[in-house]
């Protein structure tokens, strides 16, 4: 069963920032990891992913740079900035609080 994009759409930036907290990477690798971690139930469309990168870069939350050319096409890598780390932590706290509220509201065993 595929996951509803509507339920995740508002969290794309946080998903990207969270991944970049673990180290620099490039777009295809992020999307591949999302597919793997969700057992293929969710994937970010390429246009959505790259518009998120632009938005995060414009907001100074991430930076991009060209990686080494290893026989194939050059890859644009992304790294999180100190502002991005602070924003990611803030959004993760927000998500935890939201999840707690939803758990209470959707509990049918009361």
PDB file of N, CA and C in Angstrom:
ATOM      1  N   UNK A   1       0.835  -1.177   0.000  1.00  0.00           N
ATOM      2  CA  UNK A   1       0.000   0.000   0.000  1.00  0.00           C
ATOM      3  C   UNK A   1       0.882   1.244   0.000  1.00  0.00           C
ATOM      4  N   UNK A   2       0.653   2.145  -0.929  1.00  0.00           N
ATOM      5  CA  UNK A   2       1.413   3.384  -1.016  1.00  0.00           C
ATOM      6  C   UNK A   2       0.930   4.362   0.051  1.00  0.00           C
ATOM      7  N   UNK A   3       1.827   5.186   0.501  1.00  0.00           N
ATOM      8  CA  UNK A   3       1.510   6.193   1.506  1.00  0.00           C
ATOM      9  C   UNK A   3       0.966   7.423   0.797  1.00  0.00           C
ATOM     10  N   UNK A   4      -0.032   8.040   1.358  1.00  0.00           N
ATOM     11  CA  UNK A   4      -0.622   9.240   0.778  1.00  0.00           C
ATOM     12  C   UNK A   4       0.393  10.373   0.781  1.00  0.00           C
ATOM     13  N   UNK A   5       0.645  10.934  -0.382  1.00  0.00           N
ATOM     14  CA  UNK A   5       1.568  12.061  -0.502  1.00  0.00           C
ATOM     15  C   UNK A   5       1.093  13.241   0.325  1.00  0.00           C
ATOM     16  N   UNK A   6      -0.216  13.418   0.428  1.00  0.00           N
ATOM     17  CA  UNK A   6      -0.766  14.540   1.188  1.00  0.00           C
ATOM     18  C   UNK A   6      -0.343  14.500   2.652  1.00  0.00           C
ATOM     19  N   UNK A   7      -0.219  13.311   3.210  1.00  0.00           N
ATOM     20  CA  UNK A   7       0.161  13.191   4.614  1.00  0.00           C
ATOM     21  C   UNK A   7       1.630  13.533   4.841  1.00  0.00           C
ATOM     22  N   UNK A   8       2.441  13.411   3.827  1.00  0.00           N
ATOM     23  CA  UNK A   8       3.880  13.614   3.980  1.00  0.00           C
ATOM     24  C   UNK A   8       4.352  14.946   3.396  1.00  0.00           C
ATOM     25  N   UNK A   9       3.592  15.496   2.477  1.00  0.00           N
ATOM     26  CA  UNK A   9       4.014  16.683   1.727  1.00  0.00           C
ATOM     27  C   UNK A   9       4.563  17.802   2.616  1.00  0.00           C
ATOM     28  N   UNK A  10       3.945  18.087   3.710  1.00  0.00           N
ATOM     29  CA  UNK A  10       4.385  19.169   4.587  1.00  0.00           C
ATOM     30  C   UNK A  10       5.661  18.868   5.357  1.00  0.00           C
ATOM     31  N   UNK A  11       6.172  17.665   5.193  1.00  0.00           N
ATOM     32  CA  UNK A  11       7.363  17.269   5.952  1.00  0.00           C
ATOM     33  C   UNK A  11       8.585  17.005   5.060  1.00  0.00           C
ATOM     34  N   UNK A  12       8.468  17.313   3.774  1.00  0.00           N
ATOM     35  CA  UNK A  12       9.570  17.035   2.841  1.00  0.00           C
ATOM     36  C   UNK A  12      10.851  17.740   3.276  1.00  0.00           C
ATOM     37  N   UNK A  13      10.754  19.012   3.644  1.00  0.00           N
ATOM     38  CA  UNK A  13      11.952  19.750   4.050  1.00  0.00           C
ATOM     39  C   UNK A  13      12.599  19.102   5.268  1.00  0.00           C
ATOM     40  N   UNK A  14      11.788  18.712   6.230  1.00  0.00           N
ATOM     41  CA  UNK A  14      12.316  18.080   7.441  1.00  0.00           C
ATOM     42  C   UNK A  14      12.951  16.734   7.121  1.00  0.00           C
ATOM     43  N   UNK A  15      12.355  15.981   6.202  1.00  0.00           N
ATOM     44  CA  UNK A  15      12.931  14.695   5.794  1.00  0.00           C
ATOM     45  C   UNK A  15      14.312  14.917   5.185  1.00  0.00           C
ATOM     46  N   UNK A  16      14.429  15.898   4.317  1.00  0.00           N
ATOM     47  CA  UNK A  16      15.718  16.196   3.673  1.00  0.00           C
ATOM     48  C   UNK A  16      16.730  16.680   4.702  1.00  0.00           C
ATOM     49  N   UNK A  17      16.327  17.631   5.550  1.00  0.00           N
ATOM     50  CA  UNK A  17      17.254  18.142   6.569  1.00  0.00           C
ATOM     51  C   UNK A  17      17.700  17.030   7.510  1.00  0.00           C
ATOM     52  N   UNK A  18      16.769  16.172   7.895  1.00  0.00           N
ATOM     53  CA  UNK A  18      17.099  15.064   8.786  1.00  0.00           C
ATOM     54  C   UNK A  18      18.138  14.146   8.153  1.00  0.00           C
ATOM     55  N   UNK A  19      17.971  13.862   6.878  1.00  0.00           N
ATOM     56  CA  UNK A  19      18.958  13.014   6.178  1.00  0.00           C
ATOM     57  C   UNK A  19      20.314  13.695   6.119  1.00  0.00           C
ATOM     58  N   UNK A  20      20.320  14.999   5.845  1.00  0.00           N
ATOM     59  CA  UNK A  20      21.591  15.728   5.749  1.00  0.00           C
ATOM     60  C   UNK A  20      22.275  15.900   7.103  1.00  0.00           C
ATOM     61  N   UNK A  21      21.549  15.723   8.186  1.00  0.00           N
ATOM     62  CA  UNK A  21      22.172  15.754   9.520  1.00  0.00           C
ATOM     63  C   UNK A  21      23.193  14.623   9.649  1.00  0.00           C
ATOM     64  N   UNK A  22      23.006  13.563   8.869  1.00  0.00           N
ATOM     65  CA  UNK A  22      23.912  12.412   8.927  1.00  0.00           C
ATOM     66  C   UNK A  22      25.068  12.526   7.952  1.00  0.00           C
ATOM     67  N   UNK A  23      25.084  13.564   7.129  1.00  0.00           N
ATOM     68  CA  UNK A  23      26.202  13.748   6.209  1.00  0.00           C
ATOM     69  C   UNK A  23      25.757  14.232   4.842  1.00  0.00           C
ATOM     70  N   UNK A  24      26.709  14.756   4.100  1.00  0.00           N
ATOM     71  CA  UNK A  24      26.447  15.284   2.758  1.00  0.00           C
ATOM     72  C   UNK A  24      26.040  14.158   1.813  1.00  0.00           C
ATOM     73  N   UNK A  25      25.179  14.492   0.873  1.00  0.00           N
ATOM     74  CA  UNK A  25      24.766  13.526  -0.133  1.00  0.00           C
ATOM     75  C   UNK A  25      24.134  14.264  -1.301  1.00  0.00           C
ATOM     76  N   UNK A  26      23.674  13.521  -2.295  1.00  0.00           N
ATOM     77  CA  UNK A  26      23.071  14.112  -3.485  1.00  0.00           C
ATOM     78  C   UNK A  26      21.632  13.622  -3.618  1.00  0.00           C
ATOM     79  N   UNK A  27      20.885  14.279  -4.508  1.00  0.00           N
ATOM     80  CA  UNK A  27      19.453  14.063  -4.613  1.00  0.00           C
ATOM     81  C   UNK A  27      19.029  12.630  -4.852  1.00  0.00           C
ATOM     82  N   UNK A  28      19.623  11.980  -5.841  1.00  0.00           N
ATOM     83  CA  UNK A  28      19.228  10.608  -6.161  1.00  0.00           C
ATOM     84  C   UNK A  28      19.427   9.700  -4.952  1.00  0.00           C
ATOM     85  N   UNK A  29      20.502   9.893  -4.239  1.00  0.00           N
ATOM     86  CA  UNK A  29      20.798   9.052  -3.074  1.00  0.00           C
ATOM     87  C   UNK A  29      19.757   9.260  -1.964  1.00  0.00           C
ATOM     88  N   UNK A  30      19.317  10.492  -1.778  1.00  0.00           N
ATOM     89  CA  UNK A  30      18.278  10.761  -0.779  1.00  0.00           C
ATOM     90  C   UNK A  30      16.994  10.033  -1.157  1.00  0.00           C
ATOM     91  N   UNK A  31      16.597  10.149  -2.411  1.00  0.00           N
ATOM     92  CA  UNK A  31      15.367   9.492  -2.846  1.00  0.00           C
ATOM     93  C   UNK A  31      15.480   7.973  -2.748  1.00  0.00           C
ATOM     94  N   UNK A  32      16.628   7.435  -3.092  1.00  0.00           N
ATOM     95  CA  UNK A  32      16.856   5.994  -2.985  1.00  0.00           C
ATOM     96  C   UNK A  32      16.730   5.537  -1.532  1.00  0.00           C
ATOM     97  N   UNK A  33      17.291   6.318  -0.629  1.00  0.00           N
ATOM     98  CA  UNK A  33      17.220   5.971   0.791  1.00  0.00           C
ATOM     99  C   UNK A  33      15.785   6.042   1.305  1.00  0.00           C
ATOM    100  N   UNK A  34      15.021   7.030   0.839  1.00  0.00           N
ATOM    101  CA  UNK A  34      13.614   7.132   1.235  1.00  0.00           C
ATOM    102  C   UNK A  34      12.852   5.896   0.788  1.00  0.00           C
ATOM    103  N   UNK A  35      13.072   5.477  -0.458  1.00  0.00           N
ATOM    104  CA  UNK A  35      12.406   4.265  -0.962  1.00  0.00           C
ATOM    105  C   UNK A  35      12.785   3.052  -0.123  1.00  0.00           C
ATOM    106  N   UNK A  36      14.080   2.927   0.190  1.00  0.00           N
ATOM    107  CA  UNK A  36      14.542   1.768   0.970  1.00  0.00           C
ATOM    108  C   UNK A  36      13.965   1.784   2.377  1.00  0.00           C
ATOM    109  N   UNK A  37      14.010   2.931   3.033  1.00  0.00           N
ATOM    110  CA  UNK A  37      13.562   3.021   4.420  1.00  0.00           C
ATOM    111  C   UNK A  37      12.062   2.862   4.564  1.00  0.00           C
ATOM    112  N   UNK A  38      11.321   3.097   3.468  1.00  0.00           N
ATOM    113  CA  UNK A  38       9.866   2.926   3.502  1.00  0.00           C
ATOM    114  C   UNK A  38       9.436   1.644   2.796  1.00  0.00           C
ATOM    115  N   UNK A  39      10.394   0.784   2.497  1.00  0.00           N
ATOM    116  CA  UNK A  39      10.110  -0.462   1.773  1.00  0.00           C
ATOM    117  C   UNK A  39       9.317  -0.196   0.493  1.00  0.00           C
ATOM    118  N   UNK A  40       9.682   0.870  -0.210  1.00  0.00           N
ATOM    119  CA  UNK A  40       9.061   1.200  -1.477  1.00  0.00           C
ATOM    120  C   UNK A  40       7.692   1.838  -1.375  1.00  0.00           C
ATOM    121  N   UNK A  41       7.234   2.152  -0.176  1.00  0.00           N
ATOM    122  CA  UNK A  41       5.895   2.727  -0.016  1.00  0.00           C
ATOM    123  C   UNK A  41       5.835   4.220  -0.280  1.00  0.00           C
ATOM    124  N   UNK A  42       6.985   4.888  -0.294  1.00  0.00           N
ATOM    125  CA  UNK A  42       6.991   6.323  -0.548  1.00  0.00           C
ATOM    126  C   UNK A  42       8.229   6.707  -1.337  1.00  0.00           C
ATOM    127  N   UNK A  43       8.029   7.661  -2.220  1.00  0.00           N
ATOM    128  CA  UNK A  43       9.112   8.193  -3.042  1.00  0.00           C
ATOM    129  C   UNK A  43       8.767   9.642  -3.343  1.00  0.00           C
ATOM    130  N   UNK A  44       9.763  10.502  -3.291  1.00  0.00           N
ATOM    131  CA  UNK A  44       9.545  11.912  -3.617  1.00  0.00           C
ATOM    132  C   UNK A  44       9.754  12.090  -5.111  1.00  0.00           C
ATOM    133  N   UNK A  45       8.815  12.754  -5.755  1.00  0.00           N
ATOM    134  CA  UNK A  45       8.975  13.035  -7.178  1.00  0.00           C
ATOM    135  C   UNK A  45      10.187  13.941  -7.358  1.00  0.00           C
ATOM    136  N   UNK A  46      10.902  13.713  -8.447  1.00  0.00           N
ATOM    137  CA  UNK A  46      12.137  14.456  -8.698  1.00  0.00           C
ATOM    138  C   UNK A  46      11.910  15.967  -8.676  1.00  0.00           C
ATOM    139  N   UNK A  47      10.853  16.439  -9.306  1.00  0.00           N
ATOM    140  CA  UNK A  47      10.568  17.880  -9.331  1.00  0.00           C
ATOM    141  C   UNK A  47      10.345  18.423  -7.917  1.00  0.00           C
ATOM    142  N   UNK A  48       9.648  17.651  -7.088  1.00  0.00           N
ATOM    143  CA  UNK A  48       9.396  18.054  -5.705  1.00  0.00           C
ATOM    144  C   UNK A  48      10.693  18.103  -4.923  1.00  0.00           C
ATOM    145  N   UNK A  49      11.534  17.115  -5.117  1.00  0.00           N
ATOM    146  CA  UNK A  49      12.810  17.043  -4.410  1.00  0.00           C
ATOM    147  C   UNK A  49      13.688  18.244  -4.753  1.00  0.00           C
ATOM    148  N   UNK A  50      13.828  18.536  -6.025  1.00  0.00           N
ATOM    149  CA  UNK A  50      14.734  19.615  -6.417  1.00  0.00           C
ATOM    150  C   UNK A  50      14.151  20.994  -6.126  1.00  0.00           C
ATOM    151  N   UNK A  51      12.836  21.138  -6.111  1.00  0.00           N
ATOM    152  CA  UNK A  51      12.281  22.428  -5.695  1.00  0.00           C
ATOM    153  C   UNK A  51      12.485  22.607  -4.181  1.00  0.00           C
ATOM    154  N   UNK A  52      12.443  21.513  -3.424  1.00  0.00           N
ATOM    155  CA  UNK A  52      12.739  21.580  -1.988  1.00  0.00           C
ATOM    156  C   UNK A  52      14.199  21.965  -1.770  1.00  0.00           C
ATOM    157  N   UNK A  53      15.113  21.393  -2.552  1.00  0.00           N
ATOM    158  CA  UNK A  53      16.520  21.781  -2.438  1.00  0.00           C
ATOM    159  C   UNK A  53      16.696  23.281  -2.676  1.00  0.00           C
ATOM    160  N   UNK A  54      16.046  23.810  -3.725  1.00  0.00           N
ATOM    161  CA  UNK A  54      16.144  25.243  -4.022  1.00  0.00           C
ATOM    162  C   UNK A  54      15.596  26.079  -2.872  1.00  0.00           C
ATOM    163  N   UNK A  55      14.444  25.679  -2.350  1.00  0.00           N
ATOM    164  CA  UNK A  55      13.825  26.412  -1.245  1.00  0.00           C
ATOM    165  C   UNK A  55      14.727  26.396  -0.006  1.00  0.00           C
ATOM    166  N   UNK A  56      15.279  25.234   0.309  1.00  0.00           N
ATOM    167  CA  UNK A  56      16.155  25.113   1.481  1.00  0.00           C
ATOM    168  C   UNK A  56      17.453  25.896   1.284  1.00  0.00           C
ATOM    169  N   UNK A  57      17.950  25.891   0.056  1.00  0.00           N
ATOM    170  CA  UNK A  57      19.176  26.646  -0.230  1.00  0.00           C
ATOM    171  C   UNK A  57      18.900  28.150  -0.173  1.00  0.00           C
ATOM    172  N   UNK A  58      17.786  28.580  -0.728  1.00  0.00           N
ATOM    173  CA  UNK A  58      17.411  30.000  -0.660  1.00  0.00           C
ATOM    174  C   UNK A  58      17.249  30.456   0.782  1.00  0.00           C
ATOM    175  N   UNK A  59      16.782  29.564   1.639  1.00  0.00           N
ATOM    176  CA  UNK A  59      16.611  29.863   3.058  1.00  0.00           C
ATOM    177  C   UNK A  59      17.877  29.714   3.876  1.00  0.00           C
ATOM    178  N   UNK A  60      18.997  29.412   3.218  1.00  0.00           N
ATOM    179  CA  UNK A  60      20.313  29.239   3.888  1.00  0.00           C
ATOM    180  C   UNK A  60      20.331  28.066   4.866  1.00  0.00           C
ATOM    181  N   UNK A  61      19.429  27.089   4.636  1.00  0.00           N
ATOM    182  CA  UNK A  61      19.388  25.910   5.505  1.00  0.00           C
ATOM    183  C   UNK A  61      20.291  24.797   4.984  1.00  0.00           C
ATOM    184  N   UNK A  62      20.577  24.811   3.687  1.00  0.00           N
ATOM    185  CA  UNK A  62      21.526  23.875   3.087  1.00  0.00           C
ATOM    186  C   UNK A  62      22.394  24.635   2.094  1.00  0.00           C
ATOM    187  N   UNK A  63      23.512  24.004   1.727  1.00  0.00           N
ATOM    188  CA  UNK A  63      24.410  24.519   0.696  1.00  0.00           C
ATOM    189  C   UNK A  63      24.657  23.398  -0.290  1.00  0.00           C
ATOM    190  N   UNK A  64      24.973  23.771  -1.513  1.00  0.00           N
ATOM    191  CA  UNK A  64      25.290  22.749  -2.510  1.00  0.00           C
ATOM    192  C   UNK A  64      26.688  22.985  -3.049  1.00  0.00           C
ATOM    193  N   UNK A  65      27.275  21.914  -3.558  1.00  0.00           N
ATOM    194  CA  UNK A  65      28.595  21.984  -4.194  1.00  0.00           C
ATOM    195  C   UNK A  65      28.707  20.816  -5.159  1.00  0.00           C
ATOM    196  N   UNK A  66      29.583  20.974  -6.126  1.00  0.00           N
ATOM    197  CA  UNK A  66      29.794  19.911  -7.104  1.00  0.00           C
ATOM    198  C   UNK A  66      30.775  18.894  -6.551  1.00  0.00           C
ATOM    199  N   UNK A  67      30.388  17.630  -6.605  1.00  0.00           N
ATOM    200  CA  UNK A  67      31.251  16.547  -6.162  1.00  0.00           C
ATOM    201  C   UNK A  67      32.271  16.205  -7.224  1.00  0.00           C
ATOM    202  N   UNK A  68      33.208  15.341  -6.892  1.00  0.00           N
ATOM    203  CA  UNK A  68      34.236  14.952  -7.865  1.00  0.00           C
ATOM    204  C   UNK A  68      33.626  14.201  -9.043  1.00  0.00           C
ATOM    205  N   UNK A  69      34.195  14.382 -10.195  1.00  0.00           N
ATOM    206  CA  UNK A  69      33.742  13.701 -11.407  1.00  0.00           C
ATOM    207  C   UNK A  69      34.415  12.334 -11.452  1.00  0.00           C
ATOM    208  N   UNK A  70      33.642  11.296 -11.177  1.00  0.00           N
ATOM    209  CA  UNK A  70      34.187   9.936 -11.097  1.00  0.00           C
ATOM    210  C   UNK A  70      33.785   9.113 -12.315  1.00  0.00           C
ATOM    211  N   UNK A  71      34.106   9.612 -13.501  1.00  0.00           N
ATOM    212  CA  UNK A  71      33.828   8.865 -14.713  1.00  0.00           C
ATOM    213  C   UNK A  71      32.424   9.028 -15.251  1.00  0.00           C
ATOM    214  N   UNK A  72      31.507   9.512 -14.467  1.00  0.00           N
ATOM    215  CA  UNK A  72      30.129   9.721 -14.913  1.00  0.00           C
ATOM    216  C   UNK A  72      29.800  11.203 -14.858  1.00  0.00           C
ATOM    217  N   UNK A  73      28.550  11.489 -14.791  1.00  0.00           N
ATOM    218  CA  UNK A  73      28.120  12.879 -14.677  1.00  0.00           C
ATOM    219  C   UNK A  73      28.489  13.423 -13.300  1.00  0.00           C
ATOM    220  N   UNK A  74      28.809  14.706 -13.269  1.00  0.00           N
ATOM    221  CA  UNK A  74      29.089  15.337 -11.973  1.00  0.00           C
ATOM    222  C   UNK A  74      27.809  15.400 -11.159  1.00  0.00           C
ATOM    223  N   UNK A  75      27.961  15.233  -9.867  1.00  0.00           N
ATOM    224  CA  UNK A  75      26.806  15.265  -8.975  1.00  0.00           C
ATOM    225  C   UNK A  75      26.859  16.510  -8.111  1.00  0.00           C
ATOM    226  N   UNK A  76      25.685  17.072  -7.897  1.00  0.00           N
ATOM    227  CA  UNK A  76      25.563  18.209  -6.990  1.00  0.00           C
ATOM    228  C   UNK A  76      25.250  17.644  -5.608  1.00  0.00           C
ATOM    229  N   UNK A  77      26.134  17.894  -4.671  1.00  0.00           N
ATOM    230  CA  UNK A  77      25.969  17.426  -3.300  1.00  0.00           C
ATOM    231  C   UNK A  77      25.373  18.540  -2.453  1.00  0.00           C
ATOM    232  N   UNK A  78      24.711  18.117  -1.382  1.00  0.00           N
ATOM    233  CA  UNK A  78      24.092  19.065  -0.461  1.00  0.00           C
ATOM    234  C   UNK A  78      24.597  18.799   0.941  1.00  0.00           C
ATOM    235  N   UNK A  79      24.770  19.883   1.691  1.00  0.00           N
ATOM    236  CA  UNK A  79      25.172  19.788   3.100  1.00  0.00           C
ATOM    237  C   UNK A  79      24.298  20.734   3.906  1.00  0.00           C
ATOM    238  N   UNK A  80      24.055  20.357   5.134  1.00  0.00           N
ATOM    239  CA  UNK A  80      23.230  21.175   6.018  1.00  0.00           C
ATOM    240  C   UNK A  80      24.092  22.268   6.640  1.00  0.00           C
ATOM    241  N   UNK A  81      23.515  23.438   6.838  1.00  0.00           N
ATOM    242  CA  UNK A  81      24.220  24.551   7.474  1.00  0.00           C
ATOM    243  C   UNK A  81      23.877  24.568   8.966  1.00  0.00           C
ATOM    244  N   UNK A  82      24.575  25.373   9.747  1.00  0.00           N
ATOM    245  CA  UNK A  82      24.196  25.496  11.159  1.00  0.00           C
ATOM    246  C   UNK A  82      22.737  25.941  11.337  1.00  0.00           C
ATOM    247  N   UNK A  83      22.265  26.864  10.489  1.00  0.00           N
ATOM    248  CA  UNK A  83      20.864  27.283  10.538  1.00  0.00           C
ATOM    249  C   UNK A  83      19.950  26.099  10.223  1.00  0.00           C
ATOM    250  N   UNK A  84      20.370  25.286   9.267  1.00  0.00           N
ATOM    251  CA  UNK A  84      19.592  24.109   8.895  1.00  0.00           C
ATOM    252  C   UNK A  84      19.494  23.111  10.030  1.00  0.00           C
ATOM    253  N   UNK A  85      20.579  22.945  10.788  1.00  0.00           N
ATOM    254  CA  UNK A  85      20.564  22.038  11.946  1.00  0.00           C
ATOM    255  C   UNK A  85      19.570  22.517  12.994  1.00  0.00           C
ATOM    256  N   UNK A  86      19.594  23.829  13.254  1.00  0.00           N
ATOM    257  CA  UNK A  86      18.659  24.385  14.235  1.00  0.00           C
ATOM    258  C   UNK A  86      17.216  24.211  13.756  1.00  0.00           C
ATOM    259  N   UNK A  87      16.962  24.479  12.466  1.00  0.00           N
ATOM    260  CA  UNK A  87      15.616  24.339  11.920  1.00  0.00           C
ATOM    261  C   UNK A  87      15.168  22.877  11.945  1.00  0.00           C
ATOM    262  N   UNK A  88      16.066  21.965  11.631  1.00  0.00           N
ATOM    263  CA  UNK A  88      15.720  20.550  11.651  1.00  0.00           C
ATOM    264  C   UNK A  88      15.324  20.119  13.060  1.00  0.00           C
ATOM    265  N   UNK A  89      16.107  20.507  14.048  1.00  0.00           N
ATOM    266  CA  UNK A  89      15.782  20.146  15.427  1.00  0.00           C
ATOM    267  C   UNK A  89      14.439  20.738  15.851  1.00  0.00           C
ATOM    268  N   UNK A  90      14.185  21.976  15.441  1.00  0.00           N
ATOM    269  CA  UNK A  90      12.904  22.622  15.749  1.00  0.00           C
ATOM    270  C   UNK A  90      11.750  21.860  15.100  1.00  0.00           C
ATOM    271  N   UNK A  91      11.912  21.484  13.836  1.00  0.00           N
ATOM    272  CA  UNK A  91      10.854  20.763  13.125  1.00  0.00           C
ATOM    273  C   UNK A  91      10.655  19.352  13.676  1.00  0.00           C
ATOM    274  N   UNK A  92      11.732  18.705  14.093  1.00  0.00           N
ATOM    275  CA  UNK A  92      11.595  17.374  14.697  1.00  0.00           C
ATOM    276  C   UNK A  92      10.842  17.452  16.017  1.00  0.00           C
ATOM    277  N   UNK A  93      11.131  18.478  16.821  1.00  0.00           N
ATOM    278  CA  UNK A  93      10.370  18.684  18.062  1.00  0.00           C
ATOM    279  C   UNK A  93       8.901  18.923  17.748  1.00  0.00           C
ATOM    280  N   UNK A  94       8.646  19.739  16.722  1.00  0.00           N
ATOM    281  CA  UNK A  94       7.279  20.023  16.292  1.00  0.00           C
ATOM    282  C   UNK A  94       6.581  18.735  15.867  1.00  0.00           C
ATOM    283  N   UNK A  95       7.284  17.888  15.111  1.00  0.00           N
ATOM    284  CA  UNK A  95       6.704  16.614  14.657  1.00  0.00           C
ATOM    285  C   UNK A  95       6.372  15.704  15.841  1.00  0.00           C
ATOM    286  N   UNK A  96       7.260  15.626  16.798  1.00  0.00           N
ATOM    287  CA  UNK A  96       7.010  14.769  17.968  1.00  0.00           C
ATOM    288  C   UNK A  96       5.761  15.226  18.720  1.00  0.00           C
ATOM    289  N   UNK A  97       5.615  16.537  18.867  1.00  0.00           N
ATOM    290  CA  UNK A  97       4.439  17.078  19.550  1.00  0.00           C
ATOM    291  C   UNK A  97       3.180  16.800  18.735  1.00  0.00           C
ATOM    292  N   UNK A  98       3.249  17.001  17.421  1.00  0.00           N
ATOM    293  CA  UNK A  98       2.110  16.734  16.543  1.00  0.00           C
ATOM    294  C   UNK A  98       1.721  15.267  16.590  1.00  0.00           C
ATOM    295  N   UNK A  99       2.722  14.389  16.540  1.00  0.00           N
ATOM    296  CA  UNK A  99       2.452  12.945  16.593  1.00  0.00           C
ATOM    297  C   UNK A  99       1.781  12.560  17.912  1.00  0.00           C
ATOM    298  N   UNK A 100       2.223  13.147  19.005  1.00  0.00           N
ATOM    299  CA  UNK A 100       1.618  12.869  20.302  1.00  0.00           C
ATOM    300  C   UNK A 100       0.157  13.307  20.329  1.00  0.00           C
ATOM    301  N   UNK A 101      -0.123  14.489  19.801  1.00  0.00           N
ATOM    302  CA  UNK A 101      -1.507  14.980  19.757  1.00  0.00           C
ATOM    303  C   UNK A 101      -2.368  14.065  18.899  1.00  0.00           C
ATOM    304  N   UNK A 102      -1.868  13.698  17.708  1.00  0.00           N
ATOM    305  CA  UNK A 102      -2.637  12.819  16.820  1.00  0.00           C
ATOM    306  C   UNK A 102      -2.870  11.451  17.445  1.00  0.00           C
ATOM    307  N   UNK A 103      -1.855  10.921  18.123  1.00  0.00           N
ATOM    308  CA  UNK A 103      -2.032   9.631  18.801  1.00  0.00           C
ATOM    309  C   UNK A 103      -3.187   9.699  19.793  1.00  0.00           C
ATOM    310  N   UNK A 104      -3.285  10.791  20.540  1.00  0.00           N
ATOM    311  CA  UNK A 104      -4.364  10.938  21.517  1.00  0.00           C
ATOM    312  C   UNK A 104      -5.714  11.128  20.831  1.00  0.00           C
ATOM    313  N   UNK A 105      -5.730  11.901  19.769  1.00  0.00           N
ATOM    314  CA  UNK A 105      -6.998  12.176  19.080  1.00  0.00           C
ATOM    315  C   UNK A 105      -7.534  10.975  18.317  1.00  0.00           C
ATOM    316  N   UNK A 106      -6.635  10.124  17.818  1.00  0.00           N
ATOM    317  CA  UNK A 106      -7.052   8.998  16.994  1.00  0.00           C
ATOM    318  C   UNK A 106      -7.173   7.680  17.764  1.00  0.00           C
ATOM    319  N   UNK A 107      -6.868   7.714  19.036  1.00  0.00           N
ATOM    320  CA  UNK A 107      -6.963   6.503  19.858  1.00  0.00           C
ATOM    321  C   UNK A 107      -8.427   6.086  20.000  1.00  0.00           C
ATOM    322  N   UNK A 108      -8.733   4.889  19.547  1.00  0.00           N
ATOM    323  CA  UNK A 108     -10.120   4.405  19.600  1.00  0.00           C
ATOM    324  C   UNK A 108     -10.383   3.537  20.833  1.00  0.00           C
ATOM    325  N   UNK A 109      -9.406   3.378  21.687  1.00  0.00           N
ATOM    326  CA  UNK A 109      -9.568   2.479  22.841  1.00  0.00           C
ATOM    327  C   UNK A 109      -9.976   3.207  24.105  1.00  0.00           C
ATOM    328  N   UNK A 110     -10.333   4.457  24.026  1.00  0.00           N
ATOM    329  CA  UNK A 110     -10.758   5.198  25.226  1.00  0.00           C
ATOM    330  C   UNK A 110     -12.144   4.816  25.656  1.00  0.00           C
TER     331      UNK A 110
END
